[in-house]
């Protein structure tokens, strides 16, 4: 099955009351694990690629070809989107689109509102001309995302409405108290704002920083229009835990397959758990 944009999968998810997981890929094993989990669960899936991870894996073209090759080898039949996570500029979004990404996020949330609208509109015009979906952000998600550290700033509902109307984006990530990386204490999500933004925009909403959010909060977010939930840290922690245990227990192991294959299995199991929690299993 060819790569698809995430627009239709998110519209379907919102209308049927579940969320599609965006699981970030960091190397070959992450990509293998996530695709195998999606096929096994018969779940649509979004492969998130940050600019830093894309560079680490050899660039956007290398990433797209790796994903396409694995999908062909594994005979993947479920919808798969490859999505630029937190694109920093129009130029980076264009580079991803030209490389074959089927979805991009333009994160101009750190700019003044008018500038955010201007940059986002430019991205939407180019991406939509190529059949590529676009996500945008308002407010500030806390924590550390690929070396970019930010505090929590809640998205303004009226600004969300205006951004959607002026840019024609396909989904919106309003920052409402979630963070990138592990939480220190219980997450405190702004559900009242989430409900208001969902009603004002009538678009699928995106929840960044999905690791560590209790299931009850995940379910409430989905009920309020969240149709995409991003997960990366949880998979990284699961993989690293397994690798650390293997290397500590066997000081003579040197074949990377001996510790990367179990790490891949741990990622796959984590992703399957998330797909079931988000309700996307058996929805492909």
C-alpha atoms as a PDB file:
ATOM      1  CA  UNK A   1       0.000   0.000   0.000  1.00  0.00           C
ATOM      2  CA  UNK A   2       1.438   3.441  -0.878  1.00  0.00           C
ATOM      3  CA  UNK A   3       2.066   6.114   1.747  1.00  0.00           C
ATOM      4  CA  UNK A   4      -0.975   8.334   2.357  1.00  0.00           C
ATOM      5  CA  UNK A   5      -1.606  11.776   3.847  1.00  0.00           C
ATOM      6  CA  UNK A   6      -2.994  11.749   7.363  1.00  0.00           C
ATOM      7  CA  UNK A   7      -6.005  13.945   6.548  1.00  0.00           C
ATOM      8  CA  UNK A   8      -8.514  11.182   5.807  1.00  0.00           C
ATOM      9  CA  UNK A   9      -7.312   8.894   8.615  1.00  0.00           C
ATOM     10  CA  UNK A  10      -7.776  11.712  11.161  1.00  0.00           C
ATOM     11  CA  UNK A  11     -11.221  12.698   9.864  1.00  0.00           C
ATOM     12  CA  UNK A  12     -12.268   9.045  10.187  1.00  0.00           C
ATOM     13  CA  UNK A  13     -10.730   8.765  13.663  1.00  0.00           C
ATOM     14  CA  UNK A  14     -12.501  11.882  14.924  1.00  0.00           C
ATOM     15  CA  UNK A  15     -15.871  10.794  13.538  1.00  0.00           C
ATOM     16  CA  UNK A  16     -15.564   7.292  15.002  1.00  0.00           C
ATOM     17  CA  UNK A  17     -14.175   8.309  18.397  1.00  0.00           C
ATOM     18  CA  UNK A  18     -10.594   7.042  18.437  1.00  0.00           C
ATOM     19  CA  UNK A  19      -7.127   8.503  17.873  1.00  0.00           C
ATOM     20  CA  UNK A  20      -4.297   7.545  15.514  1.00  0.00           C
ATOM     21  CA  UNK A  21      -0.875   7.331  17.101  1.00  0.00           C
ATOM     22  CA  UNK A  22       2.089   9.233  15.742  1.00  0.00           C
ATOM     23  CA  UNK A  23       5.111   7.201  16.722  1.00  0.00           C
ATOM     24  CA  UNK A  24       8.446   8.852  16.043  1.00  0.00           C
ATOM     25  CA  UNK A  25      11.087   6.887  14.172  1.00  0.00           C
ATOM     26  CA  UNK A  26      14.716   7.265  15.216  1.00  0.00           C
ATOM     27  CA  UNK A  27      16.400   4.453  13.265  1.00  0.00           C
ATOM     28  CA  UNK A  28      15.720   1.238  11.339  1.00  0.00           C
ATOM     29  CA  UNK A  29      14.557  -0.745  14.366  1.00  0.00           C
ATOM     30  CA  UNK A  30      12.004   1.876  15.428  1.00  0.00           C
ATOM     31  CA  UNK A  31      10.576   1.911  11.918  1.00  0.00           C
ATOM     32  CA  UNK A  32      10.412  -1.877  11.712  1.00  0.00           C
ATOM     33  CA  UNK A  33       8.726  -2.163  15.105  1.00  0.00           C
ATOM     34  CA  UNK A  34       6.068   0.478  14.422  1.00  0.00           C
ATOM     35  CA  UNK A  35       5.161  -0.844  10.963  1.00  0.00           C
ATOM     36  CA  UNK A  36       4.950  -4.447  12.237  1.00  0.00           C
ATOM     37  CA  UNK A  37       2.773  -3.345  15.163  1.00  0.00           C
ATOM     38  CA  UNK A  38       0.432  -1.432  12.833  1.00  0.00           C
ATOM     39  CA  UNK A  39       0.046  -4.388  10.494  1.00  0.00           C
ATOM     40  CA  UNK A  40      -0.517  -6.837  13.357  1.00  0.00           C
ATOM     41  CA  UNK A  41      -3.120  -4.558  14.973  1.00  0.00           C
ATOM     42  CA  UNK A  42      -4.675  -3.558  11.624  1.00  0.00           C
ATOM     43  CA  UNK A  43      -4.266   0.059  12.712  1.00  0.00           C
ATOM     44  CA  UNK A  44      -3.567   3.190  10.682  1.00  0.00           C
ATOM     45  CA  UNK A  45      -0.300   4.770  11.789  1.00  0.00           C
ATOM     46  CA  UNK A  46       1.682   8.000  11.466  1.00  0.00           C
ATOM     47  CA  UNK A  47       5.481   7.791  11.407  1.00  0.00           C
ATOM     48  CA  UNK A  48       6.816  11.002  12.942  1.00  0.00           C
ATOM     49  CA  UNK A  49      10.230  12.295  11.871  1.00  0.00           C
ATOM     50  CA  UNK A  50      11.812  15.240  13.656  1.00  0.00           C
ATOM     51  CA  UNK A  51      14.370  17.317  11.799  1.00  0.00           C
ATOM     52  CA  UNK A  52      17.096  15.996  14.091  1.00  0.00           C
ATOM     53  CA  UNK A  53      16.102  12.357  13.607  1.00  0.00           C
ATOM     54  CA  UNK A  54      15.829  12.889   9.855  1.00  0.00           C
ATOM     55  CA  UNK A  55      19.365  14.249   9.754  1.00  0.00           C
ATOM     56  CA  UNK A  56      20.599  11.376  11.944  1.00  0.00           C
ATOM     57  CA  UNK A  57      19.104   8.798   9.566  1.00  0.00           C
ATOM     58  CA  UNK A  58      20.754  10.337   6.504  1.00  0.00           C
ATOM     59  CA  UNK A  59      18.217  12.951   5.412  1.00  0.00           C
ATOM     60  CA  UNK A  60      14.571  13.019   4.372  1.00  0.00           C
ATOM     61  CA  UNK A  61      15.102  11.118   1.104  1.00  0.00           C
ATOM     62  CA  UNK A  62      16.864   8.276   2.931  1.00  0.00           C
ATOM     63  CA  UNK A  63      14.046   8.116   5.492  1.00  0.00           C
ATOM     64  CA  UNK A  64      11.297   7.942   2.852  1.00  0.00           C
ATOM     65  CA  UNK A  65      13.080   5.204   0.938  1.00  0.00           C
ATOM     66  CA  UNK A  66      13.713   3.199   4.122  1.00  0.00           C
ATOM     67  CA  UNK A  67      10.013   3.383   5.010  1.00  0.00           C
ATOM     68  CA  UNK A  68       8.888   2.471   1.495  1.00  0.00           C
ATOM     69  CA  UNK A  69      11.326  -0.436   1.355  1.00  0.00           C
ATOM     70  CA  UNK A  70      10.142  -1.846   4.671  1.00  0.00           C
ATOM     71  CA  UNK A  71       6.486  -1.450   3.693  1.00  0.00           C
ATOM     72  CA  UNK A  72       7.135  -3.430   0.537  1.00  0.00           C
ATOM     73  CA  UNK A  73       9.182  -6.114   2.283  1.00  0.00           C
ATOM     74  CA  UNK A  74       6.636  -6.503   5.094  1.00  0.00           C
ATOM     75  CA  UNK A  75       3.658  -6.290   2.700  1.00  0.00           C
ATOM     76  CA  UNK A  76       2.056  -3.553   4.806  1.00  0.00           C
ATOM     77  CA  UNK A  77      -1.655  -3.214   4.035  1.00  0.00           C
ATOM     78  CA  UNK A  78      -2.684  -0.529   6.565  1.00  0.00           C
ATOM     79  CA  UNK A  79      -2.653   3.252   5.943  1.00  0.00           C
ATOM     80  CA  UNK A  80       0.756   4.772   6.755  1.00  0.00           C
ATOM     81  CA  UNK A  81       1.612   8.475   6.733  1.00  0.00           C
ATOM     82  CA  UNK A  82       5.146   9.819   7.068  1.00  0.00           C
ATOM     83  CA  UNK A  83       5.022  13.139   8.881  1.00  0.00           C
ATOM     84  CA  UNK A  84       7.558  15.890   9.543  1.00  0.00           C
ATOM     85  CA  UNK A  85       7.325  16.585  13.273  1.00  0.00           C
ATOM     86  CA  UNK A  86       7.862  20.216  14.353  1.00  0.00           C
ATOM     87  CA  UNK A  87       9.036  21.551  11.005  1.00  0.00           C
ATOM     88  CA  UNK A  88      10.918  24.739  11.803  1.00  0.00           C
ATOM     89  CA  UNK A  89      10.412  26.655   8.544  1.00  0.00           C
ATOM     90  CA  UNK A  90       8.710  26.700   5.157  1.00  0.00           C
ATOM     91  CA  UNK A  91      12.012  25.555   3.612  1.00  0.00           C
ATOM     92  CA  UNK A  92      12.230  22.458   5.832  1.00  0.00           C
ATOM     93  CA  UNK A  93       8.588  21.574   5.173  1.00  0.00           C
ATOM     94  CA  UNK A  94       9.127  21.954   1.419  1.00  0.00           C
ATOM     95  CA  UNK A  95      12.236  19.762   1.621  1.00  0.00           C
ATOM     96  CA  UNK A  96      10.214  17.047   3.352  1.00  0.00           C
ATOM     97  CA  UNK A  97       7.338  17.291   0.849  1.00  0.00           C
ATOM     98  CA  UNK A  98       9.769  17.126  -2.083  1.00  0.00           C
ATOM     99  CA  UNK A  99      11.441  14.054  -0.528  1.00  0.00           C
ATOM    100  CA  UNK A 100       8.120  12.197  -0.412  1.00  0.00           C
ATOM    101  CA  UNK A 101       6.698  12.943   3.042  1.00  0.00           C
ATOM    102  CA  UNK A 102       2.899  12.733   2.948  1.00  0.00           C
ATOM    103  CA  UNK A 103       2.307  15.074   5.868  1.00  0.00           C
ATOM    104  CA  UNK A 104       4.130  17.958   7.551  1.00  0.00           C
ATOM    105  CA  UNK A 105       3.830  19.961  10.733  1.00  0.00           C
ATOM    106  CA  UNK A 106       4.835  23.586  10.562  1.00  0.00           C
ATOM    107  CA  UNK A 107       5.603  24.775  14.077  1.00  0.00           C
ATOM    108  CA  UNK A 108       5.605  28.572  13.935  1.00  0.00           C
ATOM    109  CA  UNK A 109       4.034  28.786  17.405  1.00  0.00           C
ATOM    110  CA  UNK A 110       7.012  30.715  18.808  1.00  0.00           C
ATOM    111  CA  UNK A 111       6.349  33.570  16.351  1.00  0.00           C
ATOM    112  CA  UNK A 112       3.735  36.310  16.875  1.00  0.00           C
ATOM    113  CA  UNK A 113       0.277  35.172  15.741  1.00  0.00           C
ATOM    114  CA  UNK A 114       0.296  37.084  12.440  1.00  0.00           C
ATOM    115  CA  UNK A 115       3.675  35.622  11.509  1.00  0.00           C
ATOM    116  CA  UNK A 116       2.472  32.124  12.438  1.00  0.00           C
ATOM    117  CA  UNK A 117      -0.492  32.600  10.074  1.00  0.00           C
ATOM    118  CA  UNK A 118       1.748  33.858   7.266  1.00  0.00           C
ATOM    119  CA  UNK A 119       4.269  30.995   7.482  1.00  0.00           C
ATOM    120  CA  UNK A 120       1.578  28.350   7.968  1.00  0.00           C
ATOM    121  CA  UNK A 121      -0.402  29.611   4.968  1.00  0.00           C
ATOM    122  CA  UNK A 122       2.712  29.386   2.799  1.00  0.00           C
ATOM    123  CA  UNK A 123       3.257  25.769   3.899  1.00  0.00           C
ATOM    124  CA  UNK A 124      -0.410  24.846   3.356  1.00  0.00           C
ATOM    125  CA  UNK A 125      -0.441  26.247  -0.176  1.00  0.00           C
ATOM    126  CA  UNK A 126       2.634  24.256  -1.185  1.00  0.00           C
ATOM    127  CA  UNK A 127       1.762  21.042   0.679  1.00  0.00           C
ATOM    128  CA  UNK A 128      -1.865  20.922  -0.487  1.00  0.00           C
ATOM    129  CA  UNK A 129      -0.738  21.385  -4.100  1.00  0.00           C
ATOM    130  CA  UNK A 130       1.152  18.089  -3.658  1.00  0.00           C
ATOM    131  CA  UNK A 131      -1.637  16.258  -1.783  1.00  0.00           C
ATOM    132  CA  UNK A 132       0.214  16.541   1.540  1.00  0.00           C
ATOM    133  CA  UNK A 133      -1.593  17.225   4.843  1.00  0.00           C
ATOM    134  CA  UNK A 134      -0.540  19.989   7.244  1.00  0.00           C
ATOM    135  CA  UNK A 135      -0.565  20.282  11.038  1.00  0.00           C
ATOM    136  CA  UNK A 136       0.078  23.566  12.870  1.00  0.00           C
ATOM    137  CA  UNK A 137       0.565  24.506  16.519  1.00  0.00           C
ATOM    138  CA  UNK A 138      -0.516  27.300  18.838  1.00  0.00           C
ATOM    139  CA  UNK A 139       0.771  27.857  22.358  1.00  0.00           C
ATOM    140  CA  UNK A 140       3.844  26.080  23.716  1.00  0.00           C
ATOM    141  CA  UNK A 141       4.246  22.423  24.670  1.00  0.00           C
ATOM    142  CA  UNK A 142       6.641  22.116  27.592  1.00  0.00           C
ATOM    143  CA  UNK A 143       9.729  19.958  27.957  1.00  0.00           C
ATOM    144  CA  UNK A 144      12.530  19.066  25.536  1.00  0.00           C
ATOM    145  CA  UNK A 145      11.796  18.268  21.869  1.00  0.00           C
ATOM    146  CA  UNK A 146      14.963  17.426  19.964  1.00  0.00           C
ATOM    147  CA  UNK A 147      16.997  19.953  21.948  1.00  0.00           C
ATOM    148  CA  UNK A 148      14.334  22.683  21.803  1.00  0.00           C
ATOM    149  CA  UNK A 149      13.283  23.410  25.384  1.00  0.00           C
ATOM    150  CA  UNK A 150      10.093  25.315  26.139  1.00  0.00           C
ATOM    151  CA  UNK A 151       7.720  26.193  28.939  1.00  0.00           C
ATOM    152  CA  UNK A 152       3.978  25.527  28.883  1.00  0.00           C
ATOM    153  CA  UNK A 153       1.871  28.274  27.268  1.00  0.00           C
ATOM    154  CA  UNK A 154      -1.808  27.434  26.711  1.00  0.00           C
ATOM    155  CA  UNK A 155      -3.255  27.999  23.246  1.00  0.00           C
ATOM    156  CA  UNK A 156      -5.869  30.744  22.989  1.00  0.00           C
ATOM    157  CA  UNK A 157      -9.191  29.335  21.655  1.00  0.00           C
ATOM    158  CA  UNK A 158     -10.038  32.417  19.569  1.00  0.00           C
ATOM    159  CA  UNK A 159      -6.555  32.425  18.020  1.00  0.00           C
ATOM    160  CA  UNK A 160      -7.038  28.722  17.204  1.00  0.00           C
ATOM    161  CA  UNK A 161     -10.292  29.545  15.408  1.00  0.00           C
ATOM    162  CA  UNK A 162      -8.655  32.378  13.478  1.00  0.00           C
ATOM    163  CA  UNK A 163      -5.609  30.268  12.520  1.00  0.00           C
ATOM    164  CA  UNK A 164      -7.801  27.484  11.149  1.00  0.00           C
ATOM    165  CA  UNK A 165     -10.003  29.882   9.187  1.00  0.00           C
ATOM    166  CA  UNK A 166      -7.087  31.825   7.715  1.00  0.00           C
ATOM    167  CA  UNK A 167      -4.763  28.915   6.813  1.00  0.00           C
ATOM    168  CA  UNK A 168      -6.976  25.888   5.944  1.00  0.00           C
ATOM    169  CA  UNK A 169      -4.746  23.466   7.893  1.00  0.00           C
ATOM    170  CA  UNK A 170      -5.880  19.841   8.225  1.00  0.00           C
ATOM    171  CA  UNK A 171      -5.355  19.400  11.973  1.00  0.00           C
ATOM    172  CA  UNK A 172      -4.374  21.573  14.918  1.00  0.00           C
ATOM    173  CA  UNK A 173      -2.050  20.989  17.875  1.00  0.00           C
ATOM    174  CA  UNK A 174      -3.182  23.389  20.622  1.00  0.00           C
ATOM    175  CA  UNK A 175      -0.759  23.353  23.558  1.00  0.00           C
ATOM    176  CA  UNK A 176      -2.895  22.573  26.613  1.00  0.00           C
ATOM    177  CA  UNK A 177      -0.530  21.464  29.361  1.00  0.00           C
ATOM    178  CA  UNK A 178       1.264  18.442  27.865  1.00  0.00           C
ATOM    179  CA  UNK A 179       5.061  18.167  27.701  1.00  0.00           C
ATOM    180  CA  UNK A 180       7.690  16.459  25.587  1.00  0.00           C
ATOM    181  CA  UNK A 181       9.672  13.900  27.588  1.00  0.00           C
ATOM    182  CA  UNK A 182       8.862  12.366  31.000  1.00  0.00           C
ATOM    183  CA  UNK A 183       6.358  14.138  33.256  1.00  0.00           C
ATOM    184  CA  UNK A 184       7.349  15.375  36.692  1.00  0.00           C
ATOM    185  CA  UNK A 185       4.166  14.551  38.596  1.00  0.00           C
ATOM    186  CA  UNK A 186       0.690  14.168  37.114  1.00  0.00           C
ATOM    187  CA  UNK A 187      -0.098  15.841  33.772  1.00  0.00           C
ATOM    188  CA  UNK A 188      -2.632  18.671  34.053  1.00  0.00           C
ATOM    189  CA  UNK A 189      -4.404  19.028  30.710  1.00  0.00           C
ATOM    190  CA  UNK A 190      -6.762  21.910  29.888  1.00  0.00           C
ATOM    191  CA  UNK A 191      -9.890  19.967  29.004  1.00  0.00           C
ATOM    192  CA  UNK A 192     -12.216  22.984  29.087  1.00  0.00           C
ATOM    193  CA  UNK A 193     -10.016  24.754  26.538  1.00  0.00           C
ATOM    194  CA  UNK A 194      -9.731  21.559  24.491  1.00  0.00           C
ATOM    195  CA  UNK A 195     -13.518  21.263  24.281  1.00  0.00           C
ATOM    196  CA  UNK A 196     -13.887  24.935  23.332  1.00  0.00           C
ATOM    197  CA  UNK A 197     -11.176  24.742  20.658  1.00  0.00           C
ATOM    198  CA  UNK A 198     -12.679  21.564  19.233  1.00  0.00           C
ATOM    199  CA  UNK A 199     -16.091  23.233  18.873  1.00  0.00           C
ATOM    200  CA  UNK A 200     -14.670  26.469  17.455  1.00  0.00           C
ATOM    201  CA  UNK A 201     -12.414  24.829  14.844  1.00  0.00           C
ATOM    202  CA  UNK A 202     -14.258  21.580  13.993  1.00  0.00           C
ATOM    203  CA  UNK A 203     -10.873  20.029  13.104  1.00  0.00           C
ATOM    204  CA  UNK A 204      -9.099  16.910  14.400  1.00  0.00           C
ATOM    205  CA  UNK A 205      -6.950  18.010  17.346  1.00  0.00           C
ATOM    206  CA  UNK A 206      -3.437  16.737  18.100  1.00  0.00           C
ATOM    207  CA  UNK A 207      -2.019  15.922  21.533  1.00  0.00           C
ATOM    208  CA  UNK A 208       1.755  16.238  21.724  1.00  0.00           C
ATOM    209  CA  UNK A 209       3.698  14.621  24.557  1.00  0.00           C
ATOM    210  CA  UNK A 210       1.492  11.527  24.797  1.00  0.00           C
ATOM    211  CA  UNK A 211       3.951   9.555  26.950  1.00  0.00           C
ATOM    212  CA  UNK A 212       2.904   9.288  30.580  1.00  0.00           C
ATOM    213  CA  UNK A 213      -0.641  10.670  30.211  1.00  0.00           C
ATOM    214  CA  UNK A 214      -3.102   8.470  32.185  1.00  0.00           C
ATOM    215  CA  UNK A 215      -5.576   6.410  30.143  1.00  0.00           C
ATOM    216  CA  UNK A 216      -8.547   8.311  31.613  1.00  0.00           C
ATOM    217  CA  UNK A 217      -7.073  11.580  30.305  1.00  0.00           C
ATOM    218  CA  UNK A 218      -6.348   9.996  26.916  1.00  0.00           C
ATOM    219  CA  UNK A 219      -9.959   8.815  26.666  1.00  0.00           C
ATOM    220  CA  UNK A 220     -11.310  12.207  27.709  1.00  0.00           C
ATOM    221  CA  UNK A 221      -9.086  13.951  25.142  1.00  0.00           C
ATOM    222  CA  UNK A 222     -10.379  11.654  22.402  1.00  0.00           C
ATOM    223  CA  UNK A 223     -13.975  12.327  23.442  1.00  0.00           C
ATOM    224  CA  UNK A 224     -13.263  16.069  23.042  1.00  0.00           C
ATOM    225  CA  UNK A 225     -11.999  15.793  19.469  1.00  0.00           C
ATOM    226  CA  UNK A 226      -8.365  14.709  19.796  1.00  0.00           C
ATOM    227  CA  UNK A 227      -7.697  12.377  16.849  1.00  0.00           C
ATOM    228  CA  UNK A 228      -3.872  12.212  16.820  1.00  0.00           C
ATOM    229  CA  UNK A 229      -1.630  11.468  19.795  1.00  0.00           C
ATOM    230  CA  UNK A 230       2.160  11.692  19.580  1.00  0.00           C
ATOM    231  CA  UNK A 231       4.402   9.175  21.359  1.00  0.00           C
ATOM    232  CA  UNK A 232       8.197   8.978  21.299  1.00  0.00           C
ATOM    233  CA  UNK A 233       9.709   9.000  24.804  1.00  0.00           C
ATOM    234  CA  UNK A 234       7.878   5.836  25.911  1.00  0.00           C
ATOM    235  CA  UNK A 235       9.321   3.853  23.001  1.00  0.00           C
ATOM    236  CA  UNK A 236      12.803   5.255  23.602  1.00  0.00           C
ATOM    237  CA  UNK A 237      12.661   4.318  27.289  1.00  0.00           C
ATOM    238  CA  UNK A 238      11.396   0.787  26.516  1.00  0.00           C
ATOM    239  CA  UNK A 239      14.146   0.171  23.950  1.00  0.00           C
ATOM    240  CA  UNK A 240      16.940   1.582  26.106  1.00  0.00           C
ATOM    241  CA  UNK A 241      15.843  -0.441  29.162  1.00  0.00           C
ATOM    242  CA  UNK A 242      16.180  -3.694  27.215  1.00  0.00           C
ATOM    243  CA  UNK A 243      19.540  -2.752  25.671  1.00  0.00           C
ATOM    244  CA  UNK A 244      20.913  -1.702  29.057  1.00  0.00           C
ATOM    245  CA  UNK A 245      19.848  -4.986  30.673  1.00  0.00           C
ATOM    246  CA  UNK A 246      21.394  -7.097  27.903  1.00  0.00           C
ATOM    247  CA  UNK A 247      24.723  -5.232  27.955  1.00  0.00           C
ATOM    248  CA  UNK A 248      24.899  -5.324  31.753  1.00  0.00           C
ATOM    249  CA  UNK A 249      24.157  -9.066  31.876  1.00  0.00           C
ATOM    250  CA  UNK A 250      26.487 -10.091  29.048  1.00  0.00           C
ATOM    251  CA  UNK A 251      29.788  -8.197  28.933  1.00  0.00           C
ATOM    252  CA  UNK A 252      30.961 -10.207  25.909  1.00  0.00           C
ATOM    253  CA  UNK A 253      28.103  -9.486  23.497  1.00  0.00           C
ATOM    254  CA  UNK A 254      29.202  -7.390  20.525  1.00  0.00           C
ATOM    255  CA  UNK A 255      26.789  -8.256  17.699  1.00  0.00           C
ATOM    256  CA  UNK A 256      24.357  -5.303  17.596  1.00  0.00           C
ATOM    257  CA  UNK A 257      21.565  -7.592  16.425  1.00  0.00           C
ATOM    258  CA  UNK A 258      21.713  -9.367  19.776  1.00  0.00           C
ATOM    259  CA  UNK A 259      20.532  -6.240  21.612  1.00  0.00           C
ATOM    260  CA  UNK A 260      18.780  -4.255  18.894  1.00  0.00           C
ATOM    261  CA  UNK A 261      16.346  -7.065  18.009  1.00  0.00           C
ATOM    262  CA  UNK A 262      15.055  -7.326  21.618  1.00  0.00           C
ATOM    263  CA  UNK A 263      14.872  -3.503  21.708  1.00  0.00           C
ATOM    264  CA  UNK A 264      12.777  -3.622  18.539  1.00  0.00           C
ATOM    265  CA  UNK A 265      10.447  -6.171  20.182  1.00  0.00           C
ATOM    266  CA  UNK A 266      10.045  -3.863  23.190  1.00  0.00           C
ATOM    267  CA  UNK A 267       9.112  -0.933  20.936  1.00  0.00           C
ATOM    268  CA  UNK A 268       6.620  -3.082  19.053  1.00  0.00           C
ATOM    269  CA  UNK A 269       4.944  -4.220  22.279  1.00  0.00           C
ATOM    270  CA  UNK A 270       4.741  -0.623  23.520  1.00  0.00           C
ATOM    271  CA  UNK A 271       3.208   0.582  20.252  1.00  0.00           C
ATOM    272  CA  UNK A 272       0.627  -2.225  20.249  1.00  0.00           C
ATOM    273  CA  UNK A 273      -0.377  -1.211  23.772  1.00  0.00           C
ATOM    274  CA  UNK A 274      -0.779   2.410  22.682  1.00  0.00           C
ATOM    275  CA  UNK A 275      -2.817   1.493  19.597  1.00  0.00           C
ATOM    276  CA  UNK A 276      -5.230  -0.450  21.780  1.00  0.00           C
ATOM    277  CA  UNK A 277      -5.392   2.392  24.319  1.00  0.00           C
ATOM    278  CA  UNK A 278      -6.066   4.963  21.573  1.00  0.00           C
ATOM    279  CA  UNK A 279      -8.745   2.719  20.013  1.00  0.00           C
ATOM    280  CA  UNK A 280      -7.146   2.543  16.549  1.00  0.00           C
ATOM    281  CA  UNK A 281      -6.678  -1.244  16.504  1.00  0.00           C
ATOM    282  CA  UNK A 282      -8.812  -2.953  13.842  1.00  0.00           C
ATOM    283  CA  UNK A 283      -9.680   0.448  12.293  1.00  0.00           C
ATOM    284  CA  UNK A 284      -7.575   0.158   9.126  1.00  0.00           C
END
